[in-house]
Amino acid sequence: MPAPTPRTRTLAVCGTLVTALLAVAALAPLPFSVAQPGITANVLGEYQGEPVITVEGDGDPAGDDRASRGELLATTIAATAPETTVRLADVVSGWFDTDRAVLPRDSVYPVGDDPAEIEEHTSAQMRESQDVAVTAALGELGLSEDEVEVELRLADVGGPSAGLLFALGIIDKIDGEDLTGGRTIAGTGTIDADGDVGPVGGVPLKTQAAKRDGATVFLVPEAECDAARTELPDGLRLVPVTTLDGALDALRALRDGGRVPAC
């Protein structure tokens, strides 16, 4: 058997180093989180045994007596906890799995890795989102917070992404016009006090959660139409929105057989 040449020995050494590096990379923790479709919650109904939206006051809160025939689903994503170790195999699997996504950990947990700090941050975002949704909804109806008292309850959901659905649910509860038309309608989007709708992230996973839980229509911030088309479930209709006014117009058109915008 001939003796190995210098080139052969060099290739063998390089091969060993590459193998060792790959082994280290496979075992090393990476700064990512793996996300998947999360829960949905019907803002017109109950969650964990309590009504999500309660309205009291002098503003003709007719919705309690004329309940909507359909559902408005706020959607979420579920991500691995900040202390969970994500390795190369998880990242590769997430890239090829249509119902999971690999996200930079800092984008999921911008305030750090401490669970208590994260919970405080997301809870604060949710409270602010709820307050703004109430302001936007009452402004749309020409009512003040002195006339109507709105209480929102949605445990286990943090962040601002349910703002649009909260505002729509409040309007449906007070006005009693049945915005859903009997459909199960899901969506996502932040909202500000003027009724402008903003993007949220994680939309492809949220559309999957919506379809899983029976939705046929998904309200999406217009800026995220392209993202929403990614892995869009069959039978789920995308409706782009930029404002609360626009979302209301789209729902009424959908209910009444009018022209509905599309991504």
Protein backbone atom coordinates (compact mmCIF):
# COMPACT_ATOMS: atom_id res chain seq x y z
CA MET A 1 0.00 0.00 0.00
CA PRO A 2 1.60 3.29 -1.08
CA ALA A 3 2.44 5.86 1.58
CA PRO A 4 0.06 8.82 1.79
CA THR A 5 1.17 11.88 -0.14
CA PRO A 6 1.44 15.32 1.50
CA ARG A 7 -1.75 16.34 -0.31
CA THR A 8 -3.62 13.33 1.03
CA ARG A 9 -2.43 14.03 4.56
CA THR A 10 -3.51 17.70 4.24
CA LEU A 11 -6.98 16.73 3.03
CA ALA A 12 -7.33 14.25 5.88
CA VAL A 13 -6.42 16.89 8.44
CA CYS A 14 -8.81 19.41 6.86
CA GLY A 15 -11.56 16.82 6.78
CA THR A 16 -11.06 16.11 10.47
CA LEU A 17 -11.19 19.82 11.31
CA VAL A 18 -14.35 20.36 9.27
CA THR A 19 -16.00 17.39 10.95
CA ALA A 20 -15.04 18.75 14.36
CA LEU A 21 -16.35 22.22 13.48
CA LEU A 22 -19.65 20.78 12.26
CA ALA A 23 -19.98 18.77 15.45
CA VAL A 24 -19.39 21.89 17.55
CA ALA A 25 -21.85 23.90 15.44
CA ALA A 26 -24.49 21.20 15.78
CA LEU A 27 -24.20 21.25 19.58
CA ALA A 28 -23.69 24.97 20.15
CA PRO A 29 -26.70 27.05 21.31
CA LEU A 30 -27.80 29.61 18.71
CA PRO A 31 -29.44 33.04 19.21
CA PHE A 32 -32.77 32.03 17.68
CA SER A 33 -36.29 31.13 18.76
CA VAL A 34 -38.52 28.66 16.97
CA ALA A 35 -42.13 29.80 16.60
CA GLN A 36 -45.31 28.01 15.59
CA PRO A 37 -49.03 28.85 15.29
CA GLY A 38 -50.40 29.84 18.70
CA ILE A 39 -53.83 30.07 20.24
CA THR A 40 -56.73 32.07 18.88
CA ALA A 41 -59.36 33.83 20.98
CA ASN A 42 -62.82 34.95 19.91
CA VAL A 43 -63.06 38.53 21.15
CA LEU A 44 -66.86 38.40 20.77
CA GLY A 45 -67.14 35.44 23.10
CA GLU A 46 -65.48 34.02 26.18
CA TYR A 47 -61.95 32.98 26.95
CA GLN A 48 -61.24 30.73 29.91
CA GLY A 49 -64.81 31.15 31.12
CA GLU A 50 -64.93 34.96 31.06
CA PRO A 51 -66.27 37.32 28.38
CA VAL A 52 -63.41 38.96 26.52
CA ILE A 53 -65.33 42.24 26.09
CA THR A 54 -67.84 43.66 28.56
CA VAL A 55 -69.64 46.93 27.83
CA GLU A 56 -71.67 49.00 30.28
CA GLY A 57 -73.05 52.53 30.16
CA ASP A 58 -75.37 54.87 28.31
CA GLY A 59 -73.98 54.41 24.82
CA ASP A 60 -76.66 51.91 23.69
CA PRO A 61 -74.51 48.82 24.19
CA ALA A 62 -76.83 46.68 22.12
CA GLY A 63 -74.34 43.94 21.43
CA ASP A 64 -75.06 42.13 24.69
CA ASP A 65 -78.67 41.61 23.56
CA ARG A 66 -77.99 41.04 19.87
CA ALA A 67 -75.02 38.71 19.94
CA SER A 68 -72.97 38.25 16.78
CA ARG A 69 -73.64 35.05 14.89
CA GLY A 70 -69.98 34.67 14.00
CA GLU A 71 -66.55 35.02 15.56
CA LEU A 72 -63.68 37.50 15.50
CA LEU A 73 -60.49 35.58 16.26
CA ALA A 74 -57.41 37.31 17.59
CA THR A 75 -54.41 35.23 16.52
CA THR A 76 -51.03 34.60 18.14
CA ILE A 77 -47.77 32.76 17.69
CA ALA A 78 -46.06 30.55 20.27
CA ALA A 79 -42.26 30.80 20.49
CA THR A 80 -39.72 28.77 22.42
CA ALA A 81 -38.91 30.28 25.80
CA PRO A 82 -35.79 32.48 26.00
CA GLU A 83 -34.03 29.93 28.20
CA THR A 84 -34.69 27.13 25.67
CA THR A 85 -31.55 26.03 23.84
CA VAL A 86 -31.98 26.16 20.07
CA ARG A 87 -29.38 24.21 18.08
CA LEU A 88 -28.46 23.91 14.42
CA ALA A 89 -30.78 20.95 13.89
CA ASP A 90 -33.73 22.98 15.20
CA VAL A 91 -32.89 25.86 12.88
CA VAL A 92 -32.56 23.64 9.81
CA SER A 93 -35.78 21.82 10.67
CA GLY A 94 -37.59 25.12 11.18
CA TRP A 95 -36.50 26.42 7.79
CA PHE A 96 -38.03 23.43 6.02
CA ASP A 97 -41.14 23.01 8.19
CA THR A 98 -44.11 25.03 6.92
CA ASP A 99 -45.76 25.29 10.34
CA ARG A 100 -42.68 26.58 12.15
CA ALA A 101 -40.44 29.61 11.72
CA VAL A 102 -36.96 30.47 12.94
CA LEU A 103 -36.74 34.02 14.29
CA PRO A 104 -33.88 36.00 15.86
CA ARG A 105 -34.33 35.70 19.61
CA ASP A 106 -33.91 39.47 20.02
CA SER A 107 -36.92 40.08 17.76
CA VAL A 108 -39.09 37.80 19.90
CA TYR A 109 -37.72 38.89 23.29
CA PRO A 110 -36.36 42.43 22.85
CA VAL A 111 -36.08 43.08 26.58
CA GLY A 112 -33.73 40.18 27.35
CA ASP A 113 -33.96 36.65 28.70
CA ASP A 114 -35.43 37.19 32.17
CA PRO A 115 -38.92 35.55 32.20
CA ALA A 116 -40.34 38.02 34.76
CA GLU A 117 -39.09 41.01 32.77
CA ILE A 118 -40.47 39.55 29.55
CA GLU A 119 -43.89 38.92 31.09
CA GLU A 120 -44.00 42.44 32.50
CA HIS A 121 -43.07 43.91 29.10
CA THR A 122 -45.62 41.92 27.08
CA SER A 123 -48.34 42.54 29.66
CA ALA A 124 -47.67 46.28 29.53
CA GLN A 125 -47.88 46.17 25.73
CA MET A 126 -51.20 44.36 25.93
CA ARG A 127 -52.67 46.82 28.45
CA GLU A 128 -51.62 49.75 26.27
CA SER A 129 -53.04 48.04 23.19
CA GLN A 130 -56.35 47.47 24.95
CA ASP A 131 -56.57 51.08 26.13
CA VAL A 132 -55.83 52.39 22.64
CA ALA A 133 -58.33 49.97 21.08
CA VAL A 134 -61.06 51.30 23.40
CA THR A 135 -60.19 54.89 22.46
CA ALA A 136 -60.20 54.10 18.73
CA ALA A 137 -63.47 52.15 18.88
CA LEU A 138 -65.36 54.74 20.91
CA GLY A 139 -64.01 57.50 18.68
CA GLU A 140 -65.32 55.61 15.66
CA LEU A 141 -68.77 55.46 17.28
CA GLY A 142 -68.72 59.09 18.44
CA LEU A 143 -68.82 58.10 22.09
CA SER A 144 -66.66 59.09 25.03
CA GLU A 145 -65.28 56.98 27.85
CA ASP A 146 -67.57 58.96 30.19
CA GLU A 147 -70.58 57.43 28.43
CA VAL A 148 -69.42 53.83 28.05
CA GLU A 149 -67.27 51.63 30.24
CA VAL A 150 -65.42 48.87 28.38
CA GLU A 151 -63.56 46.07 30.13
CA LEU A 152 -61.28 43.72 28.21
CA ARG A 153 -60.06 40.38 29.51
CA LEU A 154 -57.73 38.12 27.57
CA ALA A 155 -55.31 36.15 29.70
CA ASP A 156 -52.28 34.35 28.25
CA VAL A 157 -51.96 36.78 25.34
CA GLY A 158 -49.34 39.50 25.41
CA GLY A 159 -48.12 42.22 23.09
CA PRO A 160 -49.97 44.75 20.93
CA SER A 161 -51.02 42.62 17.95
CA ALA A 162 -54.67 42.13 18.99
CA GLY A 163 -55.44 45.86 18.91
CA LEU A 164 -57.39 45.81 15.64
CA LEU A 165 -59.51 42.83 16.69
CA PHE A 166 -60.25 44.40 20.08
CA ALA A 167 -61.46 47.60 18.40
CA LEU A 168 -63.67 45.68 15.97
CA GLY A 169 -65.08 43.57 18.80
CA ILE A 170 -65.92 46.62 20.90
CA ILE A 171 -67.74 48.23 17.97
CA ASP A 172 -69.66 45.02 17.28
CA LYS A 173 -70.64 44.73 20.95
CA ILE A 174 -71.83 48.33 21.24
CA ASP A 175 -73.41 48.81 17.82
CA GLY A 176 -74.85 45.30 17.56
CA GLU A 177 -74.74 45.20 13.76
CA ASP A 178 -73.09 41.76 13.52
CA LEU A 179 -69.96 42.64 11.59
CA THR A 180 -69.09 38.99 10.95
CA GLY A 181 -72.25 38.11 9.05
CA GLY A 182 -72.08 34.69 10.70
CA ARG A 183 -68.55 33.97 9.49
CA THR A 184 -65.47 33.10 11.51
CA ILE A 185 -63.11 35.97 10.75
CA ALA A 186 -59.56 36.14 12.08
CA GLY A 187 -56.91 38.80 11.90
CA THR A 188 -54.04 40.68 13.42
CA GLY A 189 -52.70 44.22 13.56
CA THR A 190 -51.82 46.96 15.97
CA ILE A 191 -53.99 50.05 16.20
CA ASP A 192 -53.45 53.61 17.34
CA ALA A 193 -55.89 56.09 18.83
CA ASP A 194 -56.65 57.52 15.36
CA GLY A 195 -57.58 54.09 14.03
CA ASP A 196 -54.47 53.47 11.93
CA VAL A 197 -53.52 49.79 11.63
CA GLY A 198 -49.88 48.71 11.84
CA PRO A 199 -47.87 45.55 11.08
CA VAL A 200 -47.09 42.93 13.70
CA GLY A 201 -44.89 40.09 12.37
CA GLY A 202 -45.43 36.33 12.41
CA VAL A 203 -48.32 36.60 9.95
CA PRO A 204 -47.71 33.29 8.07
CA LEU A 205 -48.00 31.38 11.35
CA LYS A 206 -51.08 33.36 12.38
CA THR A 207 -52.88 32.51 9.13
CA GLN A 208 -52.28 28.84 9.89
CA ALA A 209 -53.70 29.26 13.40
CA ALA A 210 -56.72 31.03 11.89
CA LYS A 211 -57.43 28.28 9.37
CA ARG A 212 -56.91 25.58 12.01
CA ASP A 213 -59.59 27.18 14.18
CA GLY A 214 -62.18 27.57 11.45
CA ALA A 215 -61.61 31.03 9.96
CA THR A 216 -62.37 31.67 6.29
CA VAL A 217 -61.28 35.33 6.22
CA PHE A 218 -58.10 36.91 7.60
CA LEU A 219 -57.69 40.66 8.15
CA VAL A 220 -54.04 41.56 7.58
CA PRO A 221 -52.18 44.89 7.75
CA GLU A 222 -51.72 45.86 4.11
CA ALA A 223 -47.95 46.20 4.57
CA GLU A 224 -47.81 42.47 5.38
CA CYS A 225 -49.77 41.15 2.41
CA ASP A 226 -46.66 39.56 0.87
CA ALA A 227 -45.80 37.84 4.13
CA ALA A 228 -49.38 36.63 4.53
CA ARG A 229 -49.28 34.97 1.11
CA THR A 230 -46.37 32.79 2.28
CA GLU A 231 -47.72 29.32 3.07
CA LEU A 232 -51.28 30.71 2.94
CA PRO A 233 -53.70 27.89 3.84
CA ASP A 234 -56.21 26.89 1.16
CA GLY A 235 -59.60 28.45 1.63
CA LEU A 236 -58.43 31.41 3.71
CA ARG A 237 -59.23 34.78 2.11
CA LEU A 238 -56.87 37.67 2.81
CA VAL A 239 -58.38 41.13 3.32
CA PRO A 240 -55.83 43.97 3.61
CA VAL A 241 -56.53 46.84 5.99
CA THR A 242 -54.78 50.10 6.83
CA THR A 243 -57.36 51.75 9.10
CA LEU A 244 -60.21 50.83 11.41
CA ASP A 245 -62.61 52.56 9.00
CA GLY A 246 -61.29 50.41 6.17
CA ALA A 247 -61.62 47.21 8.21
CA LEU A 248 -65.23 48.06 9.04
CA ASP A 249 -66.02 48.83 5.40
CA ALA A 250 -64.44 45.53 4.31
CA LEU A 251 -66.41 43.50 6.86
CA ARG A 252 -69.69 45.19 5.91
CA ALA A 253 -69.00 44.59 2.21
CA LEU A 254 -68.16 40.96 2.92
CA ARG A 255 -71.37 40.56 4.91
CA ASP A 256 -73.58 42.36 2.40
CA GLY A 257 -72.08 41.01 -0.82
CA GLY A 258 -70.22 44.17 -1.77
CA ARG A 259 -66.74 44.71 -3.17
CA VAL A 260 -64.08 43.51 -0.75
CA PRO A 261 -60.40 44.52 -1.12
CA ALA A 262 -57.82 41.80 -1.68
CA CYS A 263 -54.08 41.54 -1.20
